[in-house]
Amino acid sequence: MRNLLEIEVQTLLENEALQSGLQTAQIESFQNEIYTSGLSKFESSVSMSKVVAKSFEFFKESGKGLLEENGIYWGVDEFAQKMFGWKRSYLYKMVKLSKVHTSKIKKFKRDCQEIRESGEVVAVSVENCLKTIRESVQSGQDETPQTRPQIVLNIKLDGATFKMYDDNESKCSMSLEQLRNVRGILNDFIETLEVESAE
């Protein structure tokens, strides 16, 4: 739970119905696990999604009213932010994830593992899982998880960067002057290589 006011903390600590219904202990445990885990972050998120869905359902049914009885007025945005530290959109993604059949999640993880083993980069995330499943349903075919383009050129200069990806896309935070400096450095490097190869 994040960014709680003193009255909110006190109410959540003293009101057992809110603690139980909102599942505050389980949420805190999952959040700690997710923040400290690496590869298993997605798996922890999948497990946590079930708790999130139950907590959100309780909030909508009676938790909001119990909070209001104690002078706390939360909408969905406040619930998502204060209970989980998320925006509303991510809360809804987690609720959607809680409804996805386990076999689809396992297939997504297997596909991601195969993609990683082939050397490509793939986001094993809630968003990518939901997107892959949604695209599979829409197309009627098995879809593979979205891969990330790999960086083939990365130049850093004075805190600014230029990145080129294997799909020929690029991102640049350099000024025109910085790009000219890079071009000059590369030209000098190429000339040096040409001289050395001619010898």
Protein backbone atom coordinates (compact mmCIF):
# COMPACT_ATOMS: atom_id res chain seq x y z
CA MET A 1 0.00 0.00 0.00
CA ARG A 2 1.39 3.33 -1.01
CA ASN A 3 0.89 7.02 -0.29
CA LEU A 4 -1.64 6.54 2.49
CA LEU A 5 -2.74 9.38 4.72
CA GLU A 6 -2.54 8.86 8.48
CA ILE A 7 -6.32 8.41 8.78
CA GLU A 8 -6.22 5.81 5.99
CA VAL A 9 -3.41 3.86 7.64
CA GLN A 10 -5.17 3.95 10.99
CA THR A 11 -8.51 2.85 9.52
CA LEU A 12 -6.94 -0.02 7.58
CA LEU A 13 -5.01 -1.19 10.64
CA GLU A 14 -8.00 -1.03 13.00
CA ASN A 15 -10.82 -2.28 10.77
CA GLU A 16 -10.62 -6.07 10.40
CA ALA A 17 -13.42 -6.16 7.81
CA LEU A 18 -11.40 -3.84 5.56
CA GLN A 19 -8.16 -5.77 6.19
CA SER A 20 -9.83 -9.04 5.31
CA GLY A 21 -11.92 -7.81 2.39
CA LEU A 22 -9.23 -5.68 0.77
CA GLN A 23 -6.68 -8.42 1.54
CA THR A 24 -4.09 -5.91 2.68
CA ALA A 25 -1.64 -8.48 4.11
CA GLN A 26 -1.61 -10.58 0.94
CA ILE A 27 -1.19 -7.49 -1.23
CA GLU A 28 1.75 -6.26 0.84
CA SER A 29 3.37 -9.69 0.63
CA PHE A 30 2.98 -9.91 -3.15
CA GLN A 31 4.26 -6.38 -3.65
CA ASN A 32 7.39 -7.13 -1.64
CA GLU A 33 7.93 -10.33 -3.64
CA ILE A 34 7.46 -8.59 -6.99
CA TYR A 35 9.78 -5.71 -6.16
CA THR A 36 12.57 -8.09 -5.15
CA SER A 37 12.16 -10.72 -7.88
CA GLY A 38 13.64 -10.80 -11.34
CA LEU A 39 12.42 -13.32 -13.89
CA SER A 40 9.62 -14.50 -11.60
CA LYS A 41 8.05 -11.02 -11.54
CA PHE A 42 5.46 -12.03 -14.14
CA GLU A 43 4.61 -15.22 -12.24
CA SER A 44 4.19 -13.23 -9.03
CA SER A 45 1.96 -10.78 -10.90
CA VAL A 46 -0.20 -13.66 -12.15
CA SER A 47 -0.63 -14.94 -8.59
CA MET A 48 -1.25 -11.45 -7.27
CA SER A 49 -3.90 -10.80 -9.93
CA LYS A 50 -6.28 -13.20 -8.16
CA VAL A 51 -5.89 -11.28 -4.89
CA VAL A 52 -6.25 -7.95 -6.72
CA ALA A 53 -9.52 -9.08 -8.32
CA LYS A 54 -10.96 -10.18 -4.93
CA SER A 55 -9.81 -6.98 -3.26
CA PHE A 56 -11.29 -4.82 -6.03
CA GLU A 57 -14.58 -6.73 -5.94
CA PHE A 58 -14.79 -6.19 -2.16
CA PHE A 59 -14.00 -2.51 -2.62
CA LYS A 60 -16.83 -2.10 -5.14
CA GLU A 61 -19.36 -4.10 -3.10
CA SER A 62 -18.80 -2.86 0.45
CA GLY A 63 -15.25 -1.64 1.03
CA LYS A 64 -15.90 1.78 -0.41
CA GLY A 65 -18.85 2.21 1.96
CA LEU A 66 -16.81 1.05 4.97
CA LEU A 67 -14.10 3.52 4.10
CA GLU A 68 -16.64 6.34 3.77
CA GLU A 69 -18.02 5.50 7.22
CA ASN A 70 -14.52 6.30 8.48
CA GLY A 71 -14.24 9.56 6.55
CA ILE A 72 -12.18 8.17 3.66
CA TYR A 73 -13.51 8.82 0.17
CA TRP A 74 -11.82 6.74 -2.51
CA GLY A 75 -12.78 6.33 -6.12
CA VAL A 76 -11.24 3.65 -8.35
CA ASP A 77 -8.23 5.89 -9.09
CA GLU A 78 -7.47 6.37 -5.39
CA PHE A 79 -8.03 2.68 -4.66
CA ALA A 80 -5.56 1.66 -7.39
CA GLN A 81 -2.97 4.25 -6.35
CA LYS A 82 -3.20 3.83 -2.58
CA MET A 83 -3.58 0.05 -2.40
CA PHE A 84 -1.12 -0.89 -5.14
CA GLY A 85 0.73 2.23 -6.31
CA TRP A 86 -0.77 1.80 -9.80
CA LYS A 87 -2.83 3.79 -12.23
CA ARG A 88 -6.41 2.68 -12.81
CA SER A 89 -5.58 1.18 -16.22
CA TYR A 90 -3.04 -1.24 -14.71
CA LEU A 91 -5.54 -2.24 -12.01
CA TYR A 92 -8.00 -3.22 -14.74
CA LYS A 93 -5.25 -5.14 -16.58
CA MET A 94 -4.55 -7.13 -13.43
CA VAL A 95 -8.26 -7.87 -12.99
CA LYS A 96 -8.38 -9.07 -16.63
CA LEU A 97 -5.30 -11.22 -16.04
CA SER A 98 -7.02 -12.87 -13.07
CA LYS A 99 -9.70 -14.15 -15.46
CA VAL A 100 -7.31 -15.65 -18.03
CA HIS A 101 -7.22 -19.44 -18.01
CA THR A 102 -4.02 -20.94 -16.62
CA SER A 103 -3.35 -22.88 -19.84
CA LYS A 104 -3.17 -19.64 -21.84
CA ILE A 105 -0.75 -18.09 -19.35
CA LYS A 106 1.44 -21.22 -19.43
CA LYS A 107 1.47 -21.13 -23.24
CA PHE A 108 2.47 -17.45 -23.17
CA LYS A 109 5.36 -18.22 -20.79
CA ARG A 110 6.50 -21.19 -22.94
CA ASP A 111 6.40 -19.04 -26.08
CA CYS A 112 8.40 -16.31 -24.34
CA GLN A 113 10.98 -18.85 -23.20
CA GLU A 114 11.35 -20.20 -26.76
CA ILE A 115 11.78 -16.67 -28.10
CA ARG A 116 14.43 -15.91 -25.48
CA GLU A 117 16.27 -19.14 -26.25
CA SER A 118 16.37 -18.14 -29.93
CA GLY A 119 18.23 -14.98 -28.89
CA GLU A 120 15.45 -12.45 -29.26
CA VAL A 121 14.27 -10.10 -26.54
CA VAL A 122 10.68 -10.43 -25.36
CA ALA A 123 8.78 -8.67 -22.59
CA VAL A 124 7.35 -11.23 -20.17
CA SER A 125 4.79 -8.79 -18.82
CA VAL A 126 1.13 -8.48 -17.95
CA GLU A 127 0.59 -6.14 -20.89
CA ASN A 128 2.30 -8.40 -23.43
CA CYS A 129 0.43 -11.46 -22.13
CA LEU A 130 -2.98 -9.78 -22.41
CA LYS A 131 -2.12 -8.37 -25.85
CA THR A 132 -0.98 -11.78 -27.15
CA ILE A 133 -4.10 -13.50 -25.84
CA ARG A 134 -6.38 -10.77 -27.23
CA GLU A 135 -4.74 -11.03 -30.67
CA SER A 136 -5.09 -14.83 -30.59
CA VAL A 137 -8.80 -14.53 -29.84
CA GLN A 138 -9.32 -11.90 -32.55
CA SER A 139 -7.41 -13.77 -35.25
CA GLY A 140 -8.55 -17.25 -34.24
CA GLN A 141 -4.92 -18.40 -34.46
CA ASP A 142 -2.14 -18.86 -31.97
CA GLU A 143 -0.14 -15.66 -31.72
CA THR A 144 3.38 -15.40 -30.39
CA PRO A 145 4.40 -12.79 -27.83
CA GLN A 146 5.59 -9.43 -29.13
CA THR A 147 9.37 -9.23 -29.31
CA ARG A 148 11.38 -6.09 -28.72
CA PRO A 149 13.67 -4.86 -31.45
CA GLN A 150 17.32 -5.28 -30.53
CA ILE A 151 19.68 -2.33 -30.37
CA VAL A 152 22.32 -2.60 -33.11
CA LEU A 153 23.97 0.79 -32.51
CA ASN A 154 24.03 2.77 -29.28
CA ILE A 155 25.95 6.04 -28.99
CA LYS A 156 26.09 8.13 -25.82
CA LEU A 157 27.51 11.63 -25.75
CA ASP A 158 27.22 14.19 -22.94
CA GLY A 159 24.21 12.45 -21.40
CA ALA A 160 22.31 12.21 -24.71
CA THR A 161 21.82 9.04 -26.74
CA PHE A 162 21.28 7.80 -30.26
CA LYS A 163 19.95 4.25 -30.67
CA MET A 164 19.35 2.30 -33.85
CA TYR A 165 17.36 -0.93 -33.74
CA ASP A 166 17.43 -4.02 -35.97
CA ASP A 167 14.07 -2.98 -37.47
CA ASN A 168 15.73 0.25 -38.80
CA GLU A 169 13.89 2.40 -36.27
CA SER A 170 15.90 4.87 -34.24
CA LYS A 171 15.56 7.01 -31.13
CA CYS A 172 17.60 10.11 -30.56
CA SER A 173 17.86 12.57 -27.70
CA MET A 174 20.90 14.33 -29.17
CA SER A 175 20.91 17.85 -30.49
CA LEU A 176 21.90 18.55 -34.09
CA GLU A 177 25.28 19.80 -32.87
CA GLN A 178 25.88 16.58 -30.92
CA LEU A 179 24.95 14.50 -33.98
CA ARG A 180 27.45 16.48 -36.06
CA ASN A 181 30.14 15.79 -33.44
CA VAL A 182 29.33 12.07 -33.59
CA ARG A 183 29.49 12.15 -37.40
CA GLY A 184 32.93 13.80 -37.17
CA ILE A 185 34.16 11.17 -34.69
CA LEU A 186 32.88 8.35 -36.91
CA ASN A 187 34.41 9.92 -40.04
CA ASP A 188 37.78 10.18 -38.26
CA PHE A 189 37.49 6.56 -37.15
CA ILE A 190 36.63 5.38 -40.68
CA GLU A 191 39.57 7.31 -42.17
CA THR A 192 41.91 5.72 -39.63
CA LEU A 193 40.63 2.25 -40.53
CA GLU A 194 41.02 2.96 -44.25
CA VAL A 195 44.62 4.09 -43.75
CA GLU A 196 45.44 1.04 -41.64
CA SER A 197 43.85 -1.38 -44.13
CA ALA A 198 45.74 0.22 -47.06
CA GLU A 199 49.11 -0.41 -45.39
